[in-house]
C-alpha cells in the first residue's frame, strides 16, 4: 500500500467512523426513548436501560454502515477536488481507476463488518433483547405491581405498594391473600426487597405484621415480625419461558438450513427466504454504493463543471438502489422472483459505475436541468437583492 493509498484509507475510514457513530447514536436515542418505561414505570436502573436498548445497535449499524461509507467517500472526494488534489494526481498520470483502488481497502473492511454483523451480531443482539425484555416484563414486581395501584395477581390475591425506590426497595407493602376459603391472610410491611436464588423468587418483608382470620372465628390472629419471606416463584416468568425467534432474530446458518419441523418456518417459509436473501445482499451494498459515488465524483473536473449536481445525482442513485432493495425484499415474500431482482439491480448499478470509472468519464446532468437550476438560482438572488 503506497502513501496515497494509506492517506485515502486513513481519511476515508476516519470519516466513516465519525459518520457511523454520529448517526447510530442519534437513531439509537430515538429508539431507546420507546423503552424509557423500563426506568420510569418499572424501576429498572440506568445500566439495565442502556444494556437493553444498546442491543439494537448492531441492527442499526447493519443499516447505517453502507450509508455512512458513501457519505464519507463523497466527503473525501469533495475535499480532494476542492484542494485540487484530484487534478494534480490526474496530471501526474494517476487515472480515476488507479485512484479508485485506494478505496478498495475501506470497502473491504466495511463489507466484512456488514457481513459479520448481518450473519451473527445483529441477530445475536435481537435475541438477547428479546430474552432480556421478556424477563423484565414478565417479572411480577417490575411490571405487574405498580406503585399506588391495587393489583390482583390471581383470584383472591391482591398486591399494593406505595412507592418503589431507585435501588429496588419497595415501600408501604400490602398483601391480601384470600385464596384459601378457610383462611384470609393480610400482610403489611414498611418495606421489602426482591430476592432471587436457586430456590425461587421471594418478597422479603421487613418491619410489618400478619393478620390471619380463620373461617368461623370472630377474632383474627396478629403476628408482628421483623423479616418475613413471601414466595413469588409461581408469579414470575424469566428466561425459562419458551421463546420463538422471528426470522430476523435467526442466525444466517439458521436461515440457510432451517429446521423443517420448526412451527414458525412451516407458517412463514416465504419470510425466511426473503430474510436470507436480504442477509446475503447486505455486504454488497457498500461496494455498489461506493462505485456509484465514485463514478459521479471521482473524475477530475474544472470549476465550471457542476459538482453540486454530481453530488445530488449520486445521492439520488444510491437512494434509488437502496429503496429498490427494500422493495424487492418486501415483494419477495409474495413473489420469489423479486428476491433475485435485487441482485440484478446491484449488478447493473455496479456495471454502470465501473464503466464510467474505467473510461474516466465525467457524468454531468442534462443541459436543461442545469439551465433550470440556474434560472431558479438567479430568480432567488434577485428576490433576495430586492
Protein backbone atom coordinates (compact mmCIF):
# COMPACT_ATOMS: atom_id res chain seq x y z
CA UNK A 1 0.00 0.00 0.00
CA UNK A 2 1.52 3.29 -1.13
CA UNK A 3 1.49 6.62 0.64
CA UNK A 4 -1.55 7.83 -1.32
CA UNK A 5 -3.42 4.62 -0.53
CA UNK A 6 -2.63 4.95 3.16
CA UNK A 7 -3.68 8.61 3.14
CA UNK A 8 -7.02 7.88 1.47
CA UNK A 9 -7.67 4.85 3.71
CA UNK A 10 -6.90 6.84 6.87
CA UNK A 11 -9.03 9.85 5.95
CA UNK A 12 -11.93 7.85 4.48
CA UNK A 13 -12.10 5.32 7.29
CA UNK A 14 -11.84 8.08 9.90
CA UNK A 15 -14.71 9.98 8.29
CA UNK A 16 -16.68 6.73 8.08
CA UNK A 17 -16.30 6.10 11.81
CA UNK A 18 -17.36 9.65 12.68
CA UNK A 19 -20.48 9.46 10.50
CA UNK A 20 -21.32 5.94 11.66
CA UNK A 21 -21.04 6.76 15.36
CA UNK A 22 -22.96 10.01 14.98
CA UNK A 23 -25.87 8.59 13.00
CA UNK A 24 -26.07 5.45 15.14
CA UNK A 25 -26.14 7.49 18.35
CA UNK A 26 -28.93 9.74 17.09
CA UNK A 27 -31.10 6.88 15.88
CA UNK A 28 -30.34 4.84 19.00
CA UNK A 29 -31.63 7.66 21.20
CA UNK A 30 -34.89 7.84 19.25
CA UNK A 31 -35.35 4.08 19.56
CA UNK A 32 -34.33 3.98 23.22
CA UNK A 33 -36.98 6.54 24.17
CA UNK A 34 -39.64 3.94 23.35
CA UNK A 35 -38.38 1.77 26.23
CA UNK A 36 -37.94 4.60 28.73
CA UNK A 37 -40.77 3.00 30.74
CA UNK A 38 -38.23 0.41 31.90
CA UNK A 39 -36.85 3.14 34.13
CA UNK A 40 -39.82 5.37 34.86
CA UNK A 41 -42.56 2.80 35.41
CA UNK A 42 -40.76 -0.42 36.18
CA UNK A 43 -37.98 0.74 38.46
CA UNK A 44 -35.04 -0.51 36.39
CA UNK A 45 -31.62 1.08 36.74
CA UNK A 46 -29.86 3.16 34.09
CA UNK A 47 -27.48 0.26 33.43
CA UNK A 48 -30.37 -2.07 32.63
CA UNK A 49 -31.92 0.58 30.40
CA UNK A 50 -28.69 1.19 28.46
CA UNK A 51 -27.96 -2.52 28.27
CA UNK A 52 -31.36 -3.44 26.85
CA UNK A 53 -31.63 -0.60 24.35
CA UNK A 54 -27.97 -0.95 23.36
CA UNK A 55 -28.67 -4.41 21.96
CA UNK A 56 -30.29 -2.84 18.89
CA UNK A 57 -27.03 -1.08 17.95
CA UNK A 58 -25.78 -3.95 15.71
CA UNK A 59 -29.02 -3.82 13.74
CA UNK A 60 -28.67 -0.06 13.35
CA UNK A 61 -25.07 -0.46 12.19
CA UNK A 62 -26.21 -3.00 9.61
CA UNK A 63 -28.47 -0.39 8.00
CA UNK A 64 -26.36 2.72 8.60
CA UNK A 65 -22.87 1.43 7.71
CA UNK A 66 -23.33 1.44 3.89
CA UNK A 67 -24.81 4.94 4.01
CA UNK A 68 -22.08 6.18 6.34
CA UNK A 69 -19.46 4.80 3.96
CA UNK A 70 -20.89 6.52 0.90
CA UNK A 71 -21.20 9.78 2.83
CA UNK A 72 -17.55 9.57 3.88
CA UNK A 73 -16.44 8.79 0.30
CA UNK A 74 -18.41 11.77 -1.04
CA UNK A 75 -16.84 13.98 1.63
CA UNK A 76 -13.29 12.82 0.82
CA UNK A 77 -13.78 13.18 -2.95
CA UNK A 78 -15.15 16.69 -2.48
CA UNK A 79 -12.21 17.53 -0.26
CA UNK A 80 -9.73 16.19 -2.83
CA UNK A 81 -11.46 18.18 -5.55
CA UNK A 82 -11.65 21.40 -3.53
CA UNK A 83 -7.93 21.18 -2.73
CA UNK A 84 -7.20 20.42 -6.44
CA UNK A 85 -5.62 17.12 -5.40
CA UNK A 86 -7.66 15.17 -7.94
CA UNK A 87 -6.40 17.36 -10.77
CA UNK A 88 -2.80 17.11 -9.56
CA UNK A 89 -2.96 13.30 -9.28
CA UNK A 90 -4.55 13.06 -12.71
CA UNK A 91 -1.86 15.33 -14.18
CA UNK A 92 0.78 13.08 -12.60
CA UNK A 93 -0.61 10.14 -14.57
CA UNK A 94 -2.93 8.60 -11.95
CA UNK A 95 -6.16 7.65 -13.70
CA UNK A 96 -9.52 7.54 -11.86
CA UNK A 97 -9.35 3.73 -11.91
CA UNK A 98 -5.97 3.72 -10.14
CA UNK A 99 -7.27 6.17 -7.53
CA UNK A 100 -10.38 4.03 -7.06
CA UNK A 101 -8.17 1.14 -5.99
CA UNK A 102 -7.18 3.21 -2.96
CA UNK A 103 -10.76 2.99 -1.73
CA UNK A 104 -10.92 -0.79 -2.09
CA UNK A 105 -9.35 -1.42 1.32
CA UNK A 106 -12.02 0.70 3.00
CA UNK A 107 -14.73 -1.08 1.03
CA UNK A 108 -13.33 -4.47 2.06
CA UNK A 109 -13.26 -3.57 5.75
CA UNK A 110 -16.80 -2.17 5.78
CA UNK A 111 -18.22 -5.04 3.71
CA UNK A 112 -16.63 -7.57 6.06
CA UNK A 113 -18.03 -5.70 9.06
CA UNK A 114 -21.52 -5.69 7.49
CA UNK A 115 -21.26 -9.40 6.66
CA UNK A 116 -20.31 -10.36 10.24
CA UNK A 117 -22.99 -8.08 11.67
CA UNK A 118 -25.63 -9.46 9.33
CA UNK A 119 -24.75 -13.12 9.93
CA UNK A 120 -24.21 -13.08 13.70
CA UNK A 121 -24.05 -9.80 15.63
CA UNK A 122 -27.43 -8.31 14.65
CA UNK A 123 -29.49 -11.49 15.29
CA UNK A 124 -27.48 -12.12 18.46
CA UNK A 125 -28.35 -8.66 19.76
CA UNK A 126 -32.02 -9.08 18.87
CA UNK A 127 -32.11 -12.47 20.60
CA UNK A 128 -30.61 -11.06 23.77
CA UNK A 129 -33.01 -8.13 23.56
CA UNK A 130 -35.97 -10.49 23.28
CA UNK A 131 -34.74 -12.61 26.21
CA UNK A 132 -33.99 -9.63 28.42
CA UNK A 133 -37.22 -7.77 27.76
CA UNK A 134 -39.20 -10.99 28.24
CA UNK A 135 -37.56 -11.49 31.60
CA UNK A 136 -38.03 -7.89 32.70
CA UNK A 137 -41.61 -7.55 31.55
CA UNK A 138 -42.59 -10.96 32.95
CA UNK A 139 -41.26 -10.11 36.40
CA UNK A 140 -44.02 -9.56 38.92
CA UNK A 141 -42.55 -6.53 40.68
CA UNK A 142 -41.17 -4.72 37.61
CA UNK A 143 -44.28 -5.00 35.50
CA UNK A 144 -47.44 -6.20 37.26
CA UNK A 145 -47.24 -4.44 40.59
CA UNK A 146 -47.27 -0.69 40.05
CA UNK A 147 -47.00 1.95 42.80
CA UNK A 148 -50.34 3.26 44.03
CA UNK A 149 -52.39 0.50 42.42
CA UNK A 150 -54.20 -2.50 43.89
CA UNK A 151 -53.21 -5.33 41.56
CA UNK A 152 -54.90 -8.72 41.58
CA UNK A 153 -52.32 -11.30 40.53
CA UNK A 154 -54.86 -14.10 40.58
CA UNK A 155 -58.25 -14.71 42.06
CA UNK A 156 -58.04 -13.90 45.78
CA UNK A 157 -54.51 -12.43 45.84
CA UNK A 158 -54.10 -8.63 45.81
CA UNK A 159 -50.88 -6.59 45.97
CA UNK A 160 -50.28 -2.92 46.65
CA UNK A 161 -47.08 -0.88 47.09
CA UNK A 162 -46.88 2.79 47.93
CA UNK A 163 -43.54 3.58 46.34
CA UNK A 164 -40.63 1.96 44.52
CA UNK A 165 -37.21 3.47 45.19
CA UNK A 166 -34.42 3.60 42.56
CA UNK A 167 -32.41 0.95 44.42
CA UNK A 168 -35.29 -1.53 44.10
CA UNK A 169 -36.61 -1.20 47.68
CA UNK A 170 -40.42 -1.28 47.92
CA UNK A 171 -42.16 0.91 50.50
CA UNK A 172 -45.62 0.56 52.03
CA UNK A 173 -46.41 -3.04 51.07
CA UNK A 174 -49.89 -4.53 51.38
CA UNK A 175 -50.72 -8.17 50.51
CA UNK A 176 -54.22 -9.61 50.86
CA UNK A 177 -54.43 -13.38 50.36
CA UNK A 178 -57.94 -14.90 50.17
CA UNK A 179 -57.07 -17.91 48.01
CA UNK A 180 -57.77 -20.30 50.89
CA UNK A 181 -61.53 -20.18 51.58
CA UNK A 182 -60.89 -21.28 55.17
CA UNK A 183 -58.42 -18.52 55.98
CA UNK A 184 -57.74 -14.92 54.98
CA UNK A 185 -54.23 -13.55 55.41
CA UNK A 186 -53.32 -9.87 55.27
CA UNK A 187 -49.68 -8.78 55.37
CA UNK A 188 -48.38 -5.26 55.94
CA UNK A 189 -44.75 -4.16 55.80
CA UNK A 190 -42.85 -0.90 55.93
CA UNK A 191 -40.54 -2.03 53.16
CA UNK A 192 -39.40 -5.08 51.22
CA UNK A 193 -36.98 -6.31 48.59
CA UNK A 194 -36.97 -8.99 45.93
CA UNK A 195 -34.60 -11.92 46.49
CA UNK A 196 -33.82 -14.35 43.68
CA UNK A 197 -31.84 -17.53 44.18
CA UNK A 198 -31.80 -21.13 43.03
CA UNK A 199 -34.76 -21.87 45.26
CA UNK A 200 -37.01 -19.31 43.58
CA UNK A 201 -38.11 -15.68 43.88
CA UNK A 202 -39.16 -14.24 47.24
CA UNK A 203 -40.51 -10.95 48.51
CA UNK A 204 -38.61 -10.30 51.77
CA UNK A 205 -40.83 -8.13 54.00
CA UNK A 206 -39.36 -6.07 56.85
CA UNK A 207 -40.96 -4.50 59.93
CA UNK A 208 -44.55 -5.49 59.47
CA UNK A 209 -47.42 -7.62 60.68
CA UNK A 210 -49.51 -10.59 59.55
CA UNK A 211 -53.21 -10.83 60.30
CA UNK A 212 -54.91 -14.21 59.86
CA UNK A 213 -58.68 -14.57 60.00
CA UNK A 214 -59.87 -18.20 60.12
CA UNK A 215 -63.35 -19.11 58.98
CA UNK A 216 -65.77 -19.30 61.87
CA UNK A 217 -63.51 -17.36 64.25
CA UNK A 218 -64.51 -13.90 65.41
CA UNK A 219 -61.07 -12.54 66.31
CA UNK A 220 -58.09 -12.60 63.97
CA UNK A 221 -54.60 -13.73 64.88
CA UNK A 222 -51.95 -11.00 64.73
CA UNK A 223 -48.21 -11.65 64.27
CA UNK A 224 -45.58 -8.91 64.30
CA UNK A 225 -42.32 -9.68 62.54
CA UNK A 226 -39.03 -8.08 61.61
CA UNK A 227 -38.44 -10.19 58.49
CA UNK A 228 -40.78 -12.44 56.57
CA UNK A 229 -40.40 -14.11 53.13
CA UNK A 230 -43.34 -14.43 50.76
CA UNK A 231 -42.88 -16.87 47.86
CA UNK A 232 -43.36 -15.28 44.41
CA UNK A 233 -41.87 -18.06 42.30
CA UNK A 234 -45.13 -19.07 40.69
CA UNK A 235 -45.85 -15.49 39.59
CA UNK A 236 -42.52 -14.68 37.95
CA UNK A 237 -41.59 -15.51 34.40
CA UNK A 238 -37.95 -15.39 33.34
CA UNK A 239 -35.83 -16.95 30.69
CA UNK A 240 -37.30 -20.40 31.28
CA UNK A 241 -40.21 -19.38 29.09
CA UNK A 242 -40.28 -20.77 25.58
CA UNK A 243 -39.30 -18.04 23.15
CA UNK A 244 -39.87 -18.32 19.41
CA UNK A 245 -37.40 -16.23 17.44
CA UNK A 246 -38.56 -14.40 14.32
CA UNK A 247 -36.67 -14.74 11.00
CA UNK A 248 -34.78 -11.51 11.72
CA UNK A 249 -33.59 -12.99 15.01
CA UNK A 250 -32.19 -16.13 13.37
CA UNK A 251 -28.52 -16.54 12.54
CA UNK A 252 -27.52 -16.79 8.90
CA UNK A 253 -26.91 -20.53 9.11
CA UNK A 254 -30.34 -21.00 10.64
CA UNK A 255 -31.84 -19.32 7.58
CA UNK A 256 -29.73 -21.33 5.15
CA UNK A 257 -30.83 -24.68 6.61
CA UNK A 258 -33.88 -24.13 8.84
CA UNK A 259 -35.40 -26.95 10.84
CA UNK A 260 -38.19 -28.45 8.69
CA UNK A 261 -40.17 -29.17 11.87
CA UNK A 262 -39.95 -25.58 13.11
CA UNK A 263 -43.58 -24.38 13.52
CA UNK A 264 -42.70 -20.81 12.56
CA UNK A 265 -40.86 -21.99 9.44
CA UNK A 266 -43.89 -24.02 8.43
CA UNK A 267 -46.12 -20.96 8.82
CA UNK A 268 -43.79 -18.36 7.23
CA UNK A 269 -41.37 -20.02 4.80
CA UNK A 270 -41.52 -17.02 2.48
CA UNK A 271 -40.30 -14.68 5.23
CA UNK A 272 -37.36 -16.96 5.96
CA UNK A 273 -36.45 -16.93 2.27
CA UNK A 274 -36.73 -13.14 1.99
CA UNK A 275 -34.64 -12.62 5.14
CA UNK A 276 -31.95 -14.99 3.82
CA UNK A 277 -31.55 -13.08 0.55
CA UNK A 278 -31.56 -9.77 2.42
CA UNK A 279 -28.66 -11.00 4.60
CA UNK A 280 -26.71 -12.25 1.57
CA UNK A 281 -27.14 -8.95 -0.27
CA UNK A 282 -26.23 -6.78 2.73
CA UNK A 283 -22.40 -6.87 2.23
CA UNK A 284 -22.85 -5.99 -1.45
CA UNK A 285 -24.45 -2.60 -0.82
CA UNK A 286 -21.28 -0.87 0.49
CA UNK A 287 -19.43 -1.97 -2.66
CA UNK A 288 -22.14 -0.78 -5.05
CA UNK A 289 -22.70 2.49 -3.18
CA UNK A 290 -19.03 3.45 -3.35
CA UNK A 291 -18.84 2.54 -7.04
CA UNK A 292 -21.81 4.79 -7.77
CA UNK A 293 -20.46 7.68 -5.70
CA UNK A 294 -17.01 7.41 -7.24
CA UNK A 295 -18.44 7.22 -10.77
CA UNK A 296 -20.12 10.59 -10.25
CA UNK A 297 -17.39 12.34 -8.25
CA UNK A 298 -14.08 10.54 -8.84
CA UNK A 299 -13.11 12.08 -12.16
CA UNK A 300 -11.22 15.42 -12.07
CA UNK A 301 -13.13 18.40 -13.38
CA UNK A 302 -12.88 22.14 -13.71
CA UNK A 303 -14.66 24.65 -11.52
CA UNK A 304 -17.09 25.34 -14.37
CA UNK A 305 -18.42 21.82 -14.25
CA UNK A 306 -21.28 21.38 -11.81
CA UNK A 307 -20.08 19.28 -8.88
CA UNK A 308 -23.18 20.03 -6.83
CA UNK A 309 -25.34 18.29 -9.40
CA UNK A 310 -23.00 15.33 -9.33
CA UNK A 311 -23.36 15.04 -5.55
CA UNK A 312 -27.14 15.27 -5.88
CA UNK A 313 -27.19 12.71 -8.68
CA UNK A 314 -25.02 10.30 -6.69
CA UNK A 315 -27.31 10.69 -3.68
CA UNK A 316 -30.41 10.01 -5.77
CA UNK A 317 -28.79 6.97 -7.40
CA UNK A 318 -27.70 5.46 -4.07
CA UNK A 319 -31.11 6.10 -2.51
CA UNK A 320 -32.85 4.54 -5.52
CA UNK A 321 -30.75 1.38 -5.30
CA UNK A 322 -31.36 1.06 -1.57
CA UNK A 323 -35.12 1.65 -1.88
CA UNK A 324 -35.29 -0.84 -4.73
CA UNK A 325 -33.59 -3.37 -2.46
CA UNK A 326 -36.14 -2.77 0.30
CA UNK A 327 -38.98 -3.09 -2.21
CA UNK A 328 -37.60 -6.37 -3.59
CA UNK A 329 -37.24 -7.77 -0.08
CA UNK A 330 -40.86 -6.93 0.76
CA UNK A 331 -42.28 -8.11 -2.56
CA UNK A 332 -40.18 -11.26 -2.36
CA UNK A 333 -42.39 -12.57 0.43
CA UNK A 334 -45.16 -12.93 -2.15
CA UNK A 335 -43.22 -13.12 -5.41
CA UNK A 336 -39.96 -15.09 -5.05
CA UNK A 337 -38.63 -13.75 -8.35
CA UNK A 338 -38.41 -10.27 -6.79
CA UNK A 339 -35.70 -11.54 -4.45
CA UNK A 340 -33.42 -12.16 -7.42
CA UNK A 341 -34.30 -8.81 -8.96
CA UNK A 342 -32.31 -7.03 -6.25
CA UNK A 343 -29.16 -8.83 -7.39
CA UNK A 344 -29.82 -7.71 -10.95
CA UNK A 345 -30.23 -4.13 -9.74
CA UNK A 346 -26.94 -4.29 -7.83
CA UNK A 347 -25.09 -5.78 -10.83
CA UNK A 348 -26.48 -3.17 -13.23
CA UNK A 349 -25.66 -0.29 -10.89
CA UNK A 350 -22.13 -1.59 -10.30
CA UNK A 351 -21.61 -2.21 -14.03
CA UNK A 352 -22.75 1.31 -14.89
CA UNK A 353 -20.42 2.80 -12.30
CA UNK A 354 -17.38 0.68 -13.24
CA UNK A 355 -17.82 1.52 -16.92
CA UNK A 356 -17.68 5.23 -16.09
CA UNK A 357 -14.68 4.72 -13.77
CA UNK A 358 -12.67 2.72 -16.32
CA UNK A 359 -13.32 5.25 -19.07
CA UNK A 360 -12.70 8.19 -16.75
CA UNK A 361 -15.98 9.76 -17.83
CA UNK A 362 -17.36 12.86 -16.16
CA UNK A 363 -21.06 12.25 -15.56
CA UNK A 364 -22.90 15.53 -15.81
CA UNK A 365 -26.61 16.29 -15.68
CA UNK A 366 -28.51 17.18 -18.86
CA UNK A 367 -28.20 20.78 -20.05
CA UNK A 368 -31.88 21.54 -19.47
CA UNK A 369 -31.54 20.62 -15.78
CA UNK A 370 -28.55 22.90 -15.38
CA UNK A 371 -30.38 25.75 -17.15
CA UNK A 372 -33.47 25.22 -15.00
CA UNK A 373 -31.44 25.24 -11.79
CA UNK A 374 -29.53 28.36 -12.86
CA UNK A 375 -32.79 30.13 -13.65
CA UNK A 376 -34.20 29.35 -10.23
CA UNK A 377 -30.97 30.44 -8.55
CA UNK A 378 -30.95 33.76 -10.41
CA UNK A 379 -34.59 34.38 -9.54
CA UNK A 380 -33.93 33.73 -5.86
CA UNK A 381 -30.90 36.04 -5.95
CA UNK A 382 -33.00 38.86 -7.49
CA UNK A 383 -35.66 38.44 -4.82
CA UNK A 384 -33.08 38.49 -2.05
CA UNK A 385 -31.48 41.60 -3.54
CA UNK A 386 -34.87 43.29 -3.82
